[in-house]
PDB file of N, CA and C in Angstrom:
ATOM      1  N   UNK A   1      -4.842-145.698 139.309  1.00  0.00           N
ATOM      2  CA  UNK A   1      -5.506-144.483 139.740  1.00  0.00           C
ATOM      3  C   UNK A   1      -7.009-144.636 139.583  1.00  0.00           C
ATOM      4  N   UNK A   2      -7.716-144.160 140.572  1.00  0.00           N
ATOM      5  CA  UNK A   2      -9.182-144.201 140.505  1.00  0.00           C
ATOM      6  C   UNK A   2      -9.671-143.115 139.559  1.00  0.00           C
ATOM      7  N   UNK A   3     -10.671-143.454 138.787  1.00  0.00           N
ATOM      8  CA  UNK A   3     -11.253-142.478 137.869  1.00  0.00           C
ATOM      9  C   UNK A   3     -12.422-141.777 138.551  1.00  0.00           C
ATOM     10  N   UNK A   4     -12.448-140.441 138.467  1.00  0.00           N
ATOM     11  CA  UNK A   4     -13.503-139.657 139.079  1.00  0.00           C
ATOM     12  C   UNK A   4     -14.783-139.807 138.279  1.00  0.00           C
ATOM     13  N   UNK A   5     -15.887-139.594 138.940  1.00  0.00           N
ATOM     14  CA  UNK A   5     -17.170-139.603 138.255  1.00  0.00           C
ATOM     15  C   UNK A   5     -17.279-138.361 137.389  1.00  0.00           C
ATOM     16  N   UNK A   6     -17.752-138.545 136.184  1.00  0.00           N
ATOM     17  CA  UNK A   6     -17.988-137.412 135.296  1.00  0.00           C
ATOM     18  C   UNK A   6     -19.224-136.664 135.782  1.00  0.00           C
ATOM     19  N   UNK A   7     -19.394-135.466 135.275  1.00  0.00           N
ATOM     20  CA  UNK A   7     -20.592-134.692 135.583  1.00  0.00           C
ATOM     21  C   UNK A   7     -21.803-135.485 135.099  1.00  0.00           C
ATOM     22  N   UNK A   8     -22.777-135.651 135.975  1.00  0.00           N
ATOM     23  CA  UNK A   8     -23.963-136.435 135.618  1.00  0.00           C
ATOM     24  C   UNK A   8     -24.736-135.736 134.504  1.00  0.00           C
ATOM     25  N   UNK A   9     -25.454-136.494 133.693  1.00  0.00           N
ATOM     26  CA  UNK A   9     -26.279-135.869 132.654  1.00  0.00           C
ATOM     27  C   UNK A   9     -27.290-134.875 133.237  1.00  0.00           C
ATOM     28  N   UNK A  10     -27.838-135.194 134.422  1.00  0.00           N
ATOM     29  CA  UNK A  10     -28.806-134.302 135.065  1.00  0.00           C
ATOM     30  C   UNK A  10     -28.154-132.961 135.429  1.00  0.00           C
ATOM     31  N   UNK A  11     -26.968-133.021 136.015  1.00  0.00           N
ATOM     32  CA  UNK A  11     -26.273-131.797 136.406  1.00  0.00           C
ATOM     33  C   UNK A  11     -25.864-131.004 135.170  1.00  0.00           C
ATOM     34  N   UNK A  12     -25.324-131.687 134.167  1.00  0.00           N
ATOM     35  CA  UNK A  12     -24.917-131.015 132.937  1.00  0.00           C
ATOM     36  C   UNK A  12     -26.102-130.280 132.319  1.00  0.00           C
ATOM     37  N   UNK A  13     -27.255-130.942 132.226  1.00  0.00           N
ATOM     38  CA  UNK A  13     -28.449-130.315 131.657  1.00  0.00           C
ATOM     39  C   UNK A  13     -28.889-129.110 132.481  1.00  0.00           C
ATOM     40  N   UNK A  14     -28.830-129.231 133.808  1.00  0.00           N
ATOM     41  CA  UNK A  14     -29.233-128.119 134.680  1.00  0.00           C
ATOM     42  C   UNK A  14     -28.308-126.924 134.498  1.00  0.00           C
ATOM     43  N   UNK A  15     -27.006-127.174 134.421  1.00  0.00           N
ATOM     44  CA  UNK A  15     -26.046-126.079 134.253  1.00  0.00           C
ATOM     45  C   UNK A  15     -26.190-125.433 132.878  1.00  0.00           C
ATOM     46  N   UNK A  16     -26.410-126.244 131.856  1.00  0.00           N
ATOM     47  CA  UNK A  16     -26.608-125.684 130.516  1.00  0.00           C
ATOM     48  C   UNK A  16     -27.892-124.859 130.439  1.00  0.00           C
ATOM     49  N   UNK A  17     -28.925-125.267 131.179  1.00  0.00           N
ATOM     50  CA  UNK A  17     -30.163-124.484 131.225  1.00  0.00           C
ATOM     51  C   UNK A  17     -29.926-123.136 131.900  1.00  0.00           C
ATOM     52  N   UNK A  18     -29.105-123.124 132.945  1.00  0.00           N
ATOM     53  CA  UNK A  18     -28.756-121.866 133.612  1.00  0.00           C
ATOM     54  C   UNK A  18     -28.011-120.964 132.639  1.00  0.00           C
ATOM     55  N   UNK A  19     -27.063-121.540 131.901  1.00  0.00           N
ATOM     56  CA  UNK A  19     -26.307-120.750 130.924  1.00  0.00           C
ATOM     57  C   UNK A  19     -27.244-120.134 129.891  1.00  0.00           C
ATOM     58  N   UNK A  20     -28.228-120.899 129.431  1.00  0.00           N
ATOM     59  CA  UNK A  20     -29.175-120.387 128.438  1.00  0.00           C
ATOM     60  C   UNK A  20     -30.078-119.300 129.009  1.00  0.00           C
ATOM     61  N   UNK A  21     -30.385-119.410 130.290  1.00  0.00           N
ATOM     62  CA  UNK A  21     -31.270-118.434 130.935  1.00  0.00           C
ATOM     63  C   UNK A  21     -30.577-117.099 131.169  1.00  0.00           C
ATOM     64  N   UNK A  22     -29.308-117.140 131.521  1.00  0.00           N
ATOM     65  CA  UNK A  22     -28.543-115.926 131.836  1.00  0.00           C
ATOM     66  C   UNK A  22     -27.504-115.708 130.739  1.00  0.00           C
ATOM     67  N   UNK A  23     -27.909-115.046 129.672  1.00  0.00           N
ATOM     68  CA  UNK A  23     -27.043-114.835 128.512  1.00  0.00           C
ATOM     69  C   UNK A  23     -26.120-113.644 128.737  1.00  0.00           C
ATOM     70  N   UNK A  24     -24.924-113.735 128.176  1.00  0.00           N
ATOM     71  CA  UNK A  24     -23.957-112.652 128.242  1.00  0.00           C
ATOM     72  C   UNK A  24     -22.624-113.139 128.768  1.00  0.00           C
ATOM     73  N   UNK A  25     -21.597-112.352 128.495  1.00  0.00           N
ATOM     74  CA  UNK A  25     -20.249-112.722 128.913  1.00  0.00           C
ATOM     75  C   UNK A  25     -19.662-111.805 129.981  1.00  0.00           C
ATOM     76  N   UNK A  26     -20.386-110.766 130.353  1.00  0.00           N
ATOM     77  CA  UNK A  26     -19.846-109.843 131.347  1.00  0.00           C
ATOM     78  C   UNK A  26     -19.736-110.534 132.714  1.00  0.00           C
ATOM     79  N   UNK A  27     -18.905-110.007 133.567  1.00  0.00           N
ATOM     80  CA  UNK A  27     -18.630-110.651 134.858  1.00  0.00           C
ATOM     81  C   UNK A  27     -19.882-110.741 135.732  1.00  0.00           C
ATOM     82  N   UNK A  28     -20.752-109.741 135.680  1.00  0.00           N
ATOM     83  CA  UNK A  28     -21.975-109.783 136.492  1.00  0.00           C
ATOM     84  C   UNK A  28     -22.867-110.948 136.069  1.00  0.00           C
ATOM     85  N   UNK A  29     -22.990-111.174 134.781  1.00  0.00           N
ATOM     86  CA  UNK A  29     -23.809-112.286 134.295  1.00  0.00           C
ATOM     87  C   UNK A  29     -23.180-113.621 134.674  1.00  0.00           C
ATOM     88  N   UNK A  30     -21.873-113.720 134.582  1.00  0.00           N
ATOM     89  CA  UNK A  30     -21.190-114.945 134.984  1.00  0.00           C
ATOM     90  C   UNK A  30     -21.417-115.217 136.475  1.00  0.00           C
ATOM     91  N   UNK A  31     -21.371-114.180 137.293  1.00  0.00           N
ATOM     92  CA  UNK A  31     -21.645-114.350 138.721  1.00  0.00           C
ATOM     93  C   UNK A  31     -23.085-114.812 138.939  1.00  0.00           C
ATOM     94  N   UNK A  32     -24.014-114.256 138.179  1.00  0.00           N
ATOM     95  CA  UNK A  32     -25.424-114.676 138.294  1.00  0.00           C
ATOM     96  C   UNK A  32     -25.571-116.160 137.980  1.00  0.00           C
ATOM     97  N   UNK A  33     -24.867-116.626 136.945  1.00  0.00           N
ATOM     98  CA  UNK A  33     -24.948-118.048 136.590  1.00  0.00           C
ATOM     99  C   UNK A  33     -24.416-118.913 137.728  1.00  0.00           C
ATOM    100  N   UNK A  34     -23.292-118.537 138.297  1.00  0.00           N
ATOM    101  CA  UNK A  34     -22.744-119.302 139.433  1.00  0.00           C
ATOM    102  C   UNK A  34     -23.713-119.316 140.601  1.00  0.00           C
ATOM    103  N   UNK A  35     -24.241-118.155 140.959  1.00  0.00           N
ATOM    104  CA  UNK A  35     -25.149-118.090 142.103  1.00  0.00           C
ATOM    105  C   UNK A  35     -26.414-118.899 141.853  1.00  0.00           C
ATOM    106  N   UNK A  36     -26.910-118.884 140.639  1.00  0.00           N
ATOM    107  CA  UNK A  36     -28.103-119.675 140.327  1.00  0.00           C
ATOM    108  C   UNK A  36     -27.811-121.166 140.502  1.00  0.00           C
ATOM    109  N   UNK A  37     -26.651-121.598 140.066  1.00  0.00           N
ATOM    110  CA  UNK A  37     -26.271-123.010 140.247  1.00  0.00           C
ATOM    111  C   UNK A  37     -26.178-123.345 141.731  1.00  0.00           C
ATOM    112  N   UNK A  38     -25.575-122.461 142.511  1.00  0.00           N
ATOM    113  CA  UNK A  38     -25.479-122.690 143.960  1.00  0.00           C
ATOM    114  C   UNK A  38     -26.870-122.742 144.589  1.00  0.00           C
ATOM    115  N   UNK A  39     -27.734-121.810 144.205  1.00  0.00           N
ATOM    116  CA  UNK A  39     -29.080-121.753 144.779  1.00  0.00           C
ATOM    117  C   UNK A  39     -29.891-123.003 144.453  1.00  0.00           C
ATOM    118  N   UNK A  40     -29.562-123.641 143.348  1.00  0.00           N
ATOM    119  CA  UNK A  40     -30.243-124.888 142.974  1.00  0.00           C
ATOM    120  C   UNK A  40     -29.611-126.107 143.655  1.00  0.00           C
ATOM    121  N   UNK A  41     -28.613-125.849 144.507  1.00  0.00           N
ATOM    122  CA  UNK A  41     -28.036-126.917 145.321  1.00  0.00           C
ATOM    123  C   UNK A  41     -26.822-127.618 144.750  1.00  0.00           C
ATOM    124  N   UNK A  42     -26.259-127.081 143.698  1.00  0.00           N
ATOM    125  CA  UNK A  42     -25.109-127.732 143.092  1.00  0.00           C
ATOM    126  C   UNK A  42     -23.789-127.225 143.670  1.00  0.00           C
ATOM    127  N   UNK A  43     -22.842-128.117 143.860  1.00  0.00           N
ATOM    128  CA  UNK A  43     -21.434-127.758 144.047  1.00  0.00           C
ATOM    129  C   UNK A  43     -20.866-127.694 142.632  1.00  0.00           C
ATOM    130  N   UNK A  44     -20.011-126.728 142.366  1.00  0.00           N
ATOM    131  CA  UNK A  44     -19.531-126.507 141.003  1.00  0.00           C
ATOM    132  C   UNK A  44     -18.010-126.564 140.976  1.00  0.00           C
ATOM    133  N   UNK A  45     -17.474-127.417 140.117  1.00  0.00           N
ATOM    134  CA  UNK A  45     -16.021-127.470 139.957  1.00  0.00           C
ATOM    135  C   UNK A  45     -15.579-126.397 138.967  1.00  0.00           C
ATOM    136  N   UNK A  46     -14.305-126.089 138.996  1.00  0.00           N
ATOM    137  CA  UNK A  46     -13.745-125.138 138.040  1.00  0.00           C
ATOM    138  C   UNK A  46     -14.053-125.574 136.615  1.00  0.00           C
ATOM    139  N   UNK A  47     -13.849-126.846 136.317  1.00  0.00           N
ATOM    140  CA  UNK A  47     -14.096-127.341 134.960  1.00  0.00           C
ATOM    141  C   UNK A  47     -15.572-127.250 134.581  1.00  0.00           C
ATOM    142  N   UNK A  48     -16.483-127.574 135.508  1.00  0.00           N
ATOM    143  CA  UNK A  48     -17.916-127.482 135.206  1.00  0.00           C
ATOM    144  C   UNK A  48     -18.321-126.041 134.933  1.00  0.00           C
ATOM    145  N   UNK A  49     -17.783-125.112 135.716  1.00  0.00           N
ATOM    146  CA  UNK A  49     -18.103-123.700 135.495  1.00  0.00           C
ATOM    147  C   UNK A  49     -17.633-123.251 134.114  1.00  0.00           C
ATOM    148  N   UNK A  50     -16.446-123.712 133.716  1.00  0.00           N
ATOM    149  CA  UNK A  50     -15.926-123.355 132.402  1.00  0.00           C
ATOM    150  C   UNK A  50     -16.738-124.005 131.287  1.00  0.00           C
ATOM    151  N   UNK A  51     -16.965-125.296 131.401  1.00  0.00           N
ATOM    152  CA  UNK A  51     -17.585-126.060 130.315  1.00  0.00           C
ATOM    153  C   UNK A  51     -19.073-125.805 130.159  1.00  0.00           C
ATOM    154  N   UNK A  52     -19.799-125.755 131.266  1.00  0.00           N
ATOM    155  CA  UNK A  52     -21.262-125.748 131.190  1.00  0.00           C
ATOM    156  C   UNK A  52     -21.907-124.409 131.533  1.00  0.00           C
ATOM    157  N   UNK A  53     -21.177-123.554 132.277  1.00  0.00           N
ATOM    158  CA  UNK A  53     -21.718-122.231 132.611  1.00  0.00           C
ATOM    159  C   UNK A  53     -21.057-121.118 131.807  1.00  0.00           C
ATOM    160  N   UNK A  54     -20.098-121.491 130.947  1.00  0.00           N
ATOM    161  CA  UNK A  54     -19.396-120.532 130.084  1.00  0.00           C
ATOM    162  C   UNK A  54     -18.727-119.413 130.888  1.00  0.00           C
ATOM    163  N   UNK A  55     -18.007-119.829 131.913  1.00  0.00           N
ATOM    164  CA  UNK A  55     -17.247-118.888 132.744  1.00  0.00           C
ATOM    165  C   UNK A  55     -15.774-119.161 132.475  1.00  0.00           C
ATOM    166  N   UNK A  56     -15.119-118.218 131.820  1.00  0.00           N
ATOM    167  CA  UNK A  56     -13.749-118.433 131.365  1.00  0.00           C
ATOM    168  C   UNK A  56     -12.779-118.666 132.519  1.00  0.00           C
ATOM    169  N   UNK A  57     -12.856-117.850 133.580  1.00  0.00           N
ATOM    170  CA  UNK A  57     -11.930-117.970 134.718  1.00  0.00           C
ATOM    171  C   UNK A  57     -12.731-117.979 136.013  1.00  0.00           C
ATOM    172  N   UNK A  58     -13.266-119.135 136.403  1.00  0.00           N
ATOM    173  CA  UNK A  58     -14.126-119.223 137.584  1.00  0.00           C
ATOM    174  C   UNK A  58     -13.526-118.681 138.880  1.00  0.00           C
ATOM    175  N   UNK A  59     -12.217-118.870 139.161  1.00  0.00           N
ATOM    176  CA  UNK A  59     -11.709-118.328 140.431  1.00  0.00           C
ATOM    177  C   UNK A  59     -11.924-116.819 140.590  1.00  0.00           C
ATOM    178  N   UNK A  60     -11.873-116.079 139.493  1.00  0.00           N
ATOM    179  CA  UNK A  60     -12.104-114.631 139.577  1.00  0.00           C
ATOM    180  C   UNK A  60     -13.544-114.340 139.972  1.00  0.00           C
ATOM    181  N   UNK A  61     -14.496-115.069 139.376  1.00  0.00           N
ATOM    182  CA  UNK A  61     -15.904-114.854 139.713  1.00  0.00           C
ATOM    183  C   UNK A  61     -16.181-115.253 141.159  1.00  0.00           C
ATOM    184  N   UNK A  62     -15.546-116.322 141.637  1.00  0.00           N
ATOM    185  CA  UNK A  62     -15.709-116.742 143.034  1.00  0.00           C
ATOM    186  C   UNK A  62     -15.175-115.661 143.959  1.00  0.00           C
ATOM    187  N   UNK A  63     -14.011-115.109 143.639  1.00  0.00           N
ATOM    188  CA  UNK A  63     -13.429-114.037 144.463  1.00  0.00           C
ATOM    189  C   UNK A  63     -14.362-112.826 144.495  1.00  0.00           C
ATOM    190  N   UNK A  64     -14.915-112.457 143.362  1.00  0.00           N
ATOM    191  CA  UNK A  64     -15.842-111.326 143.316  1.00  0.00           C
ATOM    192  C   UNK A  64     -17.080-111.600 144.161  1.00  0.00           C
ATOM    193  N   UNK A  65     -17.617-112.807 144.089  1.00  0.00           N
ATOM    194  CA  UNK A  65     -18.779-113.148 144.911  1.00  0.00           C
ATOM    195  C   UNK A  65     -18.435-113.080 146.396  1.00  0.00           C
ATOM    196  N   UNK A  66     -17.266-113.565 146.757  1.00  0.00           N
ATOM    197  CA  UNK A  66     -16.844-113.463 148.163  1.00  0.00           C
ATOM    198  C   UNK A  66     -16.720-112.007 148.579  1.00  0.00           C
ATOM    199  N   UNK A  67     -16.172-111.179 147.703  1.00  0.00           N
ATOM    200  CA  UNK A  67     -16.050-109.749 148.012  1.00  0.00           C
ATOM    201  C   UNK A  67     -17.412-109.097 148.190  1.00  0.00           C
ATOM    202  N   UNK A  68     -18.441-109.674 147.551  1.00  0.00           N
ATOM    203  CA  UNK A  68     -19.811-109.175 147.691  1.00  0.00           C
ATOM    204  C   UNK A  68     -20.521-109.764 148.914  1.00  0.00           C
ATOM    205  N   UNK A  69     -19.813-110.591 149.673  1.00  0.00           N
ATOM    206  CA  UNK A  69     -20.376-111.111 150.914  1.00  0.00           C
ATOM    207  C   UNK A  69     -20.827-112.558 150.885  1.00  0.00           C
ATOM    208  N   UNK A  70     -20.687-113.235 149.746  1.00  0.00           N
ATOM    209  CA  UNK A  70     -21.099-114.637 149.677  1.00  0.00           C
ATOM    210  C   UNK A  70     -20.091-115.517 150.424  1.00  0.00           C
ATOM    211  N   UNK A  71     -20.605-116.516 151.094  1.00  0.00           N
ATOM    212  CA  UNK A  71     -19.774-117.458 151.842  1.00  0.00           C
ATOM    213  C   UNK A  71     -19.622-118.719 150.992  1.00  0.00           C
ATOM    214  N   UNK A  72     -18.521-118.779 150.267  1.00  0.00           N
ATOM    215  CA  UNK A  72     -18.275-119.894 149.354  1.00  0.00           C
ATOM    216  C   UNK A  72     -17.010-120.616 149.809  1.00  0.00           C
ATOM    217  N   UNK A  73     -17.136-121.908 150.008  1.00  0.00           N
ATOM    218  CA  UNK A  73     -16.004-122.742 150.408  1.00  0.00           C
ATOM    219  C   UNK A  73     -15.371-123.355 149.163  1.00  0.00           C
ATOM    220  N   UNK A  74     -14.065-123.522 149.210  1.00  0.00           N
ATOM    221  CA  UNK A  74     -13.346-124.229 148.151  1.00  0.00           C
ATOM    222  C   UNK A  74     -12.830-125.535 148.716  1.00  0.00           C
ATOM    223  N   UNK A  75     -13.178-126.624 148.047  1.00  0.00           N
ATOM    224  CA  UNK A  75     -12.621-127.935 148.356  1.00  0.00           C
ATOM    225  C   UNK A  75     -11.742-128.298 147.170  1.00  0.00           C
ATOM    226  N   UNK A  76     -10.551-128.795 147.437  1.00  0.00           N
ATOM    227  CA  UNK A  76      -9.646-129.151 146.354  1.00  0.00           C
ATOM    228  C   UNK A  76      -9.860-130.606 145.980  1.00  0.00           C
ATOM    229  N   UNK A  77     -10.024-130.834 144.682  1.00  0.00           N
ATOM    230  CA  UNK A  77     -10.196-132.188 144.175  1.00  0.00           C
ATOM    231  C   UNK A  77      -9.155-132.440 143.090  1.00  0.00           C
ATOM    232  N   UNK A  78      -8.791-133.683 142.921  1.00  0.00           N
ATOM    233  CA  UNK A  78      -7.819-134.074 141.913  1.00  0.00           C
ATOM    234  C   UNK A  78      -8.570-134.809 140.816  1.00  0.00           C
ATOM    235  N   UNK A  79      -8.516-134.272 139.600  1.00  0.00           N
ATOM    236  CA  UNK A  79      -9.280-134.859 138.502  1.00  0.00           C
ATOM    237  C   UNK A  79      -8.366-135.247 137.351  1.00  0.00           C
ATOM    238  N   UNK A  80      -8.844-136.205 136.593  1.00  0.00           N
ATOM    239  CA  UNK A  80      -8.167-136.643 135.383  1.00  0.00           C
ATOM    240  C   UNK A  80      -8.805-135.909 134.217  1.00  0.00           C
ATOM    241  N   UNK A  81      -8.007-135.182 133.448  1.00  0.00           N
ATOM    242  CA  UNK A  81      -8.544-134.420 132.323  1.00  0.00           C
ATOM    243  C   UNK A  81      -8.621-135.288 131.075  1.00  0.00           C
ATOM    244  N   UNK A  82      -9.212-134.734 130.043  1.00  0.00           N
ATOM    245  CA  UNK A  82      -9.352-135.446 128.780  1.00  0.00           C
ATOM    246  C   UNK A  82      -7.999-135.838 128.204  1.00  0.00           C
ATOM    247  N   UNK A  83      -6.954-135.079 128.509  1.00  0.00           N
ATOM    248  CA  UNK A  83      -5.617-135.375 127.985  1.00  0.00           C
ATOM    249  C   UNK A  83      -4.914-136.475 128.773  1.00  0.00           C
ATOM    250  N   UNK A  84      -5.547-136.919 129.859  1.00  0.00           N
ATOM    251  CA  UNK A  84      -4.950-137.971 130.665  1.00  0.00           C
ATOM    252  C   UNK A  84      -4.084-137.466 131.804  1.00  0.00           C
ATOM    253  N   UNK A  85      -3.984-136.157 131.959  1.00  0.00           N
ATOM    254  CA  UNK A  85      -3.200-135.567 133.050  1.00  0.00           C
ATOM    255  C   UNK A  85      -4.089-135.317 134.256  1.00  0.00           C
ATOM    256  N   UNK A  86      -3.492-135.341 135.424  1.00  0.00           N
ATOM    257  CA  UNK A  86      -4.220-135.066 136.662  1.00  0.00           C
ATOM    258  C   UNK A  86      -3.972-133.618 137.066  1.00  0.00           C
ATOM    259  N   UNK A  87      -5.028-132.981 137.569  1.00  0.00           N
ATOM    260  CA  UNK A  87      -4.950-131.591 138.014  1.00  0.00           C
ATOM    261  C   UNK A  87      -5.728-131.422 139.311  1.00  0.00           C
ATOM    262  N   UNK A  88      -5.208-130.570 140.207  1.00  0.00           N
ATOM    263  CA  UNK A  88      -5.971-130.149 141.377  1.00  0.00           C
ATOM    264  C   UNK A  88      -6.804-128.954 140.948  1.00  0.00           C
ATOM    265  N   UNK A  89      -8.111-129.044 141.170  1.00  0.00           N
ATOM    266  CA  UNK A  89      -9.007-127.941 140.813  1.00  0.00           C
ATOM    267  C   UNK A  89      -9.944-127.669 141.980  1.00  0.00           C
ATOM    268  N   UNK A  90     -10.544-126.505 141.969  1.00  0.00           N
ATOM    269  CA  UNK A  90     -11.489-126.142 143.016  1.00  0.00           C
ATOM    270  C   UNK A  90     -12.862-126.736 142.775  1.00  0.00           C
ATOM    271  N   UNK A  91     -13.496-127.159 143.869  1.00  0.00           N
ATOM    272  CA  UNK A  91     -14.913-127.532 143.880  1.00  0.00           C
ATOM    273  C   UNK A  91     -15.549-126.537 144.833  1.00  0.00           C
ATOM    274  N   UNK A  92     -16.418-125.681 144.321  1.00  0.00           N
ATOM    275  CA  UNK A  92     -16.980-124.576 145.086  1.00  0.00           C
ATOM    276  C   UNK A  92     -18.355-124.931 145.624  1.00  0.00           C
ATOM    277  N   UNK A  93     -18.580-124.576 146.880  1.00  0.00           N
ATOM    278  CA  UNK A  93     -19.833-124.881 147.551  1.00  0.00           C
ATOM    279  C   UNK A  93     -20.288-123.632 148.302  1.00  0.00           C
ATOM    280  N   UNK A  94     -21.544-123.238 148.100  1.00  0.00           N
ATOM    281  CA  UNK A  94     -22.120-122.136 148.858  1.00  0.00           C
ATOM    282  C   UNK A  94     -22.490-122.664 150.230  1.00  0.00           C
ATOM    283  N   UNK A  95     -22.007-122.007 151.276  1.00  0.00           N
ATOM    284  CA  UNK A  95     -22.338-122.434 152.627  1.00  0.00           C
ATOM    285  C   UNK A  95     -23.832-122.286 152.847  1.00  0.00           C
ATOM    286  N   UNK A  96     -24.426-123.244 153.480  1.00  0.00           N
ATOM    287  CA  UNK A  96     -25.871-123.287 153.727  1.00  0.00           C
ATOM    288  C   UNK A  96     -26.346-122.013 154.421  1.00  0.00           C
ATOM    289  N   UNK A  97     -27.387-121.408 153.847  1.00  0.00           N
ATOM    290  CA  UNK A  97     -27.979-120.223 154.454  1.00  0.00           C
ATOM    291  C   UNK A  97     -27.162-118.966 154.299  1.00  0.00           C
ATOM    292  N   UNK A  98     -26.084-119.009 153.488  1.00  0.00           N
ATOM    293  CA  UNK A  98     -25.199-117.868 153.405  1.00  0.00           C
ATOM    294  C   UNK A  98     -25.474-116.958 152.224  1.00  0.00           C
ATOM    295  N   UNK A  99     -26.417-117.316 151.383  1.00  0.00           N
ATOM    296  CA  UNK A  99     -26.625-116.561 150.144  1.00  0.00           C
ATOM    297  C   UNK A  99     -27.189-115.160 150.397  1.00  0.00           C
ATOM    298  N   UNK A 100     -26.671-114.232 149.643  1.00  0.00           N
ATOM    299  CA  UNK A 100     -27.164-112.849 149.612  1.00  0.00           C
ATOM    300  C   UNK A 100     -27.529-112.555 148.174  1.00  0.00           C
ATOM    301  N   UNK A 101     -28.342-111.539 147.944  1.00  0.00           N
ATOM    302  CA  UNK A 101     -28.596-111.119 146.575  1.00  0.00           C
ATOM    303  C   UNK A 101     -27.352-110.411 146.091  1.00  0.00           C
ATOM    304  N   UNK A 102     -26.818-110.877 144.967  1.00  0.00           N
ATOM    305  CA  UNK A 102     -25.609-110.259 144.425  1.00  0.00           C
ATOM    306  C   UNK A 102     -25.657-110.276 142.910  1.00  0.00           C
ATOM    307  N   UNK A 103     -24.797-109.475 142.297  1.00  0.00           N
ATOM    308  CA  UNK A 103     -24.711-109.419 140.829  1.00  0.00           C
ATOM    309  C   UNK A 103     -23.986-110.602 140.281  1.00  0.00           C
TER     310      UNK A 103
END
């Protein structure tokens, strides 16, 4: 099995900086963190959102953003977890030019 590339140190640092900038656990703040990552040009996997943006359940935040009018695509990727198991997870991408101001 091919091993996927881990999150780059540059991306990890950028996502952690976003988390530090937008403090709080409420859903609106979690959505702000996701949108900031998208606006900075990052595609975000479910695991990256959980680990580096402190978003407990990213699919819920993605659904809320879509309900607010954001055009977010989901690409399915198969990753190897730390436990050695493979999982299909979402890789979320904001469609170019589709961003709106949202909570």
